[in-house]
Amino acid sequence: MRRSALVVRGGWEGHDPVPTTDLFIPRLREAGFEVTIEDGLEVYADEDVMDRTDLVLQAWTMGEILADELTGLRRAVEAGTGLAGWHGGLLDSFRGATDYHHLVGGQFVAHPDDLIEHEVRVVQGSSGHPVLSGVAPVLELKSEQYWVQTDAHCEVLATTTHAVREGQPWQEPVTVPAVWTRQWGAGRVFACTVGHTVETLLDPWVSRVIEQGLLWAARGPRD
């Protein structure tokens, strides 16, 4: 029986929800998933569809989610549906929905500079995790550097450090998660803060981590 992936994309167009998800849809199909694409959140409230879904790839920056939609998403993940995404499509979604932040384990709060050269570093001892298979211990890039707030239930696989910079109010380096996984009930959550543009997502380090994160988060094959 083929596994089912649901791609939910929309919200703020500045993060290119269609072109960015189009990069990974063929990879999901190559991995044996039957892929369904939705441009609305109503599907989250459809219990029959969500029960059949093994992975949700969400790319929905900002916007609002209705109570029944959020309840449906949470119920599905708790029952075993995987949830995965990157950058604002997962971590800057539904700013007023604290139950959503509780599910994902982290929330974007700032990118102090629009585009800045920075590093993402694999956490010591995490290189053996399936999400990080085959990637270098350090990624150097110029893009938005997310400042996120997370909780201790996340397994942090990679971090980024906001250096002290002239004109900014913090007075010591601040290290925040950049890639994490999370067990939520029977389901898994994968989050990557990197992915502001199609160009960023085409970086081999980024694309490999995200592809492996999608596969890690997905529910295993069912009889």
Protein backbone atom coordinates (compact mmCIF):
# COMPACT_ATOMS: atom_id res chain seq x y z
CA MET A 1 0.00 0.00 0.00
CA ARG A 2 1.49 3.34 -1.06
CA ARG A 3 1.92 5.96 1.61
CA SER A 4 0.09 9.26 1.33
CA ALA A 5 1.67 12.73 1.49
CA LEU A 6 -0.45 15.86 1.77
CA VAL A 7 1.13 19.15 0.64
CA VAL A 8 -0.68 22.16 2.12
CA ARG A 9 0.58 25.43 0.70
CA GLY A 10 -0.51 29.05 0.73
CA GLY A 11 -0.45 32.07 2.98
CA TRP A 12 2.00 34.92 2.39
CA GLU A 13 3.32 34.70 -1.16
CA GLY A 14 6.73 36.14 -0.26
CA HIS A 15 7.95 32.67 0.64
CA ASP A 16 6.90 31.22 -2.73
CA PRO A 17 4.83 28.33 -1.34
CA VAL A 18 4.20 26.80 -4.78
CA PRO A 19 7.72 26.92 -6.30
CA THR A 20 9.37 25.82 -3.06
CA THR A 21 7.14 22.82 -2.46
CA ASP A 22 7.39 21.91 -6.15
CA LEU A 23 11.06 21.17 -5.50
CA PHE A 24 10.20 18.31 -3.13
CA ILE A 25 6.98 16.87 -4.55
CA PRO A 26 8.86 14.83 -7.20
CA ARG A 27 11.18 13.50 -4.49
CA LEU A 28 8.22 12.34 -2.43
CA ARG A 29 6.77 10.58 -5.46
CA GLU A 30 10.13 8.95 -6.17
CA ALA A 31 10.10 7.71 -2.58
CA GLY A 32 6.80 5.98 -3.24
CA PHE A 33 4.28 8.49 -1.86
CA GLU A 34 0.97 9.31 -3.45
CA VAL A 35 0.94 13.12 -3.24
CA THR A 36 -2.15 15.31 -2.82
CA ILE A 37 -1.84 19.10 -3.05
CA GLU A 38 -4.20 21.49 -1.26
CA ASP A 39 -4.23 25.30 -1.42
CA GLY A 40 -6.51 25.64 1.60
CA LEU A 41 -6.50 24.59 5.23
CA GLU A 42 -9.97 23.05 5.20
CA VAL A 43 -8.47 19.62 4.56
CA TYR A 44 -7.11 19.55 8.11
CA ALA A 45 -10.70 19.32 9.38
CA ASP A 46 -11.47 16.31 7.16
CA GLU A 47 -10.92 13.42 9.55
CA ASP A 48 -11.14 10.74 6.86
CA VAL A 49 -8.45 12.38 4.73
CA MET A 50 -6.17 13.06 7.68
CA ASP A 51 -6.51 9.49 8.93
CA ARG A 52 -5.19 8.29 5.56
CA THR A 53 -2.33 10.79 5.47
CA ASP A 54 1.13 9.62 6.46
CA LEU A 55 2.92 12.95 6.00
CA VAL A 56 1.88 16.60 5.91
CA LEU A 57 4.31 18.95 4.19
CA GLN A 58 3.13 22.41 5.16
CA ALA A 59 4.22 25.65 3.50
CA TRP A 60 1.85 28.29 4.90
CA THR A 61 3.38 31.51 6.18
CA MET A 62 1.31 33.62 8.59
CA GLY A 63 -2.45 33.54 8.00
CA GLU A 64 -5.06 32.18 10.36
CA ILE A 65 -6.27 28.67 11.05
CA LEU A 66 -9.79 27.82 12.23
CA ALA A 67 -10.33 25.88 15.41
CA ASP A 68 -11.63 22.74 13.69
CA GLU A 69 -8.70 22.80 11.24
CA LEU A 70 -6.14 23.04 14.02
CA THR A 71 -7.92 20.36 16.03
CA GLY A 72 -7.84 18.08 13.00
CA LEU A 73 -4.15 18.64 12.40
CA ARG A 74 -3.23 18.04 16.02
CA ARG A 75 -5.38 14.92 16.21
CA ALA A 76 -3.78 13.50 13.08
CA VAL A 77 -0.22 14.08 14.27
CA GLU A 78 -0.98 12.60 17.68
CA ALA A 79 -2.34 9.52 15.88
CA GLY A 80 0.79 9.07 13.73
CA THR A 81 0.70 11.50 10.79
CA GLY A 82 4.06 13.18 10.26
CA LEU A 83 4.33 16.98 10.01
CA ALA A 84 7.28 18.65 8.30
CA GLY A 85 8.35 21.93 6.77
CA TRP A 86 10.84 24.73 6.69
CA HIS A 87 11.28 28.42 7.40
CA GLY A 88 8.10 30.52 7.56
CA GLY A 89 5.95 27.82 6.00
CA LEU A 90 6.07 25.85 9.24
CA LEU A 91 7.59 28.21 11.82
CA ASP A 92 5.81 31.48 11.06
CA SER A 93 2.38 29.98 10.54
CA PHE A 94 -0.73 31.12 12.40
CA ARG A 95 0.93 33.57 14.78
CA GLY A 96 -2.07 33.75 17.06
CA ALA A 97 -2.57 29.98 17.38
CA THR A 98 -0.62 28.92 20.46
CA ASP A 99 -1.87 25.32 20.23
CA TYR A 100 -0.16 25.15 16.83
CA HIS A 101 3.12 26.42 18.32
CA HIS A 102 2.75 23.78 21.03
CA LEU A 103 2.54 21.10 18.35
CA VAL A 104 5.50 22.28 16.28
CA GLY A 105 7.72 23.09 19.25
CA GLY A 106 9.01 26.44 18.07
CA GLN A 107 8.03 29.79 16.63
CA PHE A 108 9.80 32.42 14.54
CA VAL A 109 10.14 35.70 16.40
CA ALA A 110 12.64 37.69 14.29
CA HIS A 111 15.27 37.80 11.59
CA PRO A 112 17.22 40.85 12.75
CA ASP A 113 18.85 41.38 9.34
CA ASP A 114 17.19 40.72 6.00
CA LEU A 115 20.04 38.71 4.50
CA ILE A 116 23.24 37.95 6.39
CA GLU A 117 26.15 35.57 6.12
CA HIS A 118 25.94 32.99 8.89
CA GLU A 119 26.53 29.36 9.75
CA VAL A 120 24.36 26.42 10.67
CA ARG A 121 26.24 23.89 12.79
CA VAL A 122 25.35 20.27 13.46
CA VAL A 123 25.05 19.64 17.18
CA GLN A 124 27.86 17.49 18.51
CA GLY A 125 26.74 13.87 18.71
CA SER A 126 23.84 14.34 16.27
CA SER A 127 25.63 13.49 13.03
CA GLY A 128 24.32 9.92 13.14
CA HIS A 129 20.68 11.00 13.01
CA PRO A 130 18.94 9.94 9.76
CA VAL A 131 17.98 13.56 9.01
CA LEU A 132 21.66 14.54 8.90
CA SER A 133 23.01 11.58 6.95
CA GLY A 134 25.72 12.60 4.50
CA VAL A 135 25.87 16.31 5.31
CA ALA A 136 28.84 18.38 6.42
CA PRO A 137 29.03 19.55 10.03
CA VAL A 138 28.81 23.21 9.02
CA LEU A 139 26.68 25.00 6.43
CA GLU A 140 27.72 28.51 5.40
CA LEU A 141 25.09 30.61 3.69
CA LYS A 142 23.77 34.11 3.12
CA SER A 143 20.06 34.25 3.80
CA GLU A 144 17.58 35.13 6.52
CA GLN A 145 18.83 33.91 9.86
CA TYR A 146 15.83 32.98 11.96
CA TRP A 147 15.64 33.72 15.65
CA VAL A 148 13.22 31.15 17.06
CA GLN A 149 11.87 30.29 20.48
CA THR A 150 11.55 26.59 21.18
CA ASP A 151 10.92 24.19 24.05
CA ALA A 152 12.93 21.41 25.61
CA HIS A 153 10.87 18.62 24.02
CA CYS A 154 12.59 19.27 20.68
CA GLU A 155 15.60 17.18 19.72
CA VAL A 156 17.87 19.89 18.33
CA LEU A 157 20.07 18.60 15.51
CA ALA A 158 21.64 21.85 14.29
CA THR A 159 21.92 25.40 15.58
CA THR A 160 22.81 28.89 14.40
CA THR A 161 24.35 31.68 16.43
CA HIS A 162 23.32 35.32 16.21
CA ALA A 163 26.54 37.24 16.73
CA VAL A 164 26.72 40.53 18.58
CA ARG A 165 26.29 43.23 15.95
CA GLU A 166 26.44 47.00 16.07
CA GLY A 167 23.01 48.56 16.32
CA GLN A 168 21.37 45.43 17.73
CA PRO A 169 20.19 45.25 21.34
CA TRP A 170 21.56 41.86 22.48
CA GLN A 171 25.00 41.99 24.06
CA GLU A 172 26.24 38.41 23.80
CA PRO A 173 26.00 35.74 21.09
CA VAL A 174 22.65 33.93 21.05
CA THR A 175 22.46 30.36 19.78
CA VAL A 176 19.07 29.05 18.64
CA PRO A 177 17.89 25.82 17.01
CA ALA A 178 18.00 25.62 13.21
CA VAL A 179 16.96 22.00 12.65
CA TRP A 180 14.98 19.88 15.08
CA THR A 181 12.79 16.83 15.35
CA ARG A 182 9.99 16.14 17.78
CA GLN A 183 7.90 13.18 18.83
CA TRP A 184 4.27 14.18 19.36
CA GLY A 185 2.07 11.31 20.42
CA ALA A 186 2.51 8.66 17.73
CA GLY A 187 3.55 11.29 15.17
CA ARG A 188 6.81 12.96 14.28
CA VAL A 189 7.57 16.60 13.54
CA PHE A 190 10.53 17.85 11.49
CA ALA A 191 11.45 21.55 11.33
CA CYS A 192 14.18 23.45 9.51
CA THR A 193 14.52 27.22 9.88
CA VAL A 194 16.49 27.54 6.64
CA GLY A 195 14.58 27.93 3.36
CA HIS A 196 13.78 31.56 2.62
CA THR A 197 13.98 31.20 -1.17
CA VAL A 198 14.05 28.57 -3.90
CA GLU A 199 17.76 29.32 -4.31
CA THR A 200 18.40 28.56 -0.63
CA LEU A 201 16.44 25.33 -0.84
CA LEU A 202 18.52 24.24 -3.84
CA ASP A 203 21.67 24.27 -1.73
CA PRO A 204 22.73 20.59 -1.52
CA TRP A 205 23.05 20.67 2.29
CA VAL A 206 19.63 22.22 2.76
CA SER A 207 17.81 20.10 0.20
CA ARG A 208 19.32 16.88 1.56
CA VAL A 209 18.40 17.67 5.15
CA ILE A 210 14.84 18.61 4.19
CA GLU A 211 14.33 15.56 1.99
CA GLN A 212 15.63 13.29 4.74
CA GLY A 213 13.53 15.17 7.28
CA LEU A 214 10.39 14.57 5.25
CA LEU A 215 11.07 10.86 5.05
CA TRP A 216 11.96 10.66 8.74
CA ALA A 217 8.74 12.40 9.79
CA ALA A 218 6.44 10.28 7.65
CA ARG A 219 4.54 7.42 9.22
CA GLY A 220 6.04 4.05 8.34
CA PRO A 221 4.45 1.76 5.75
CA ARG A 222 1.10 0.31 6.74
CA ASP A 223 -0.21 -3.12 5.81
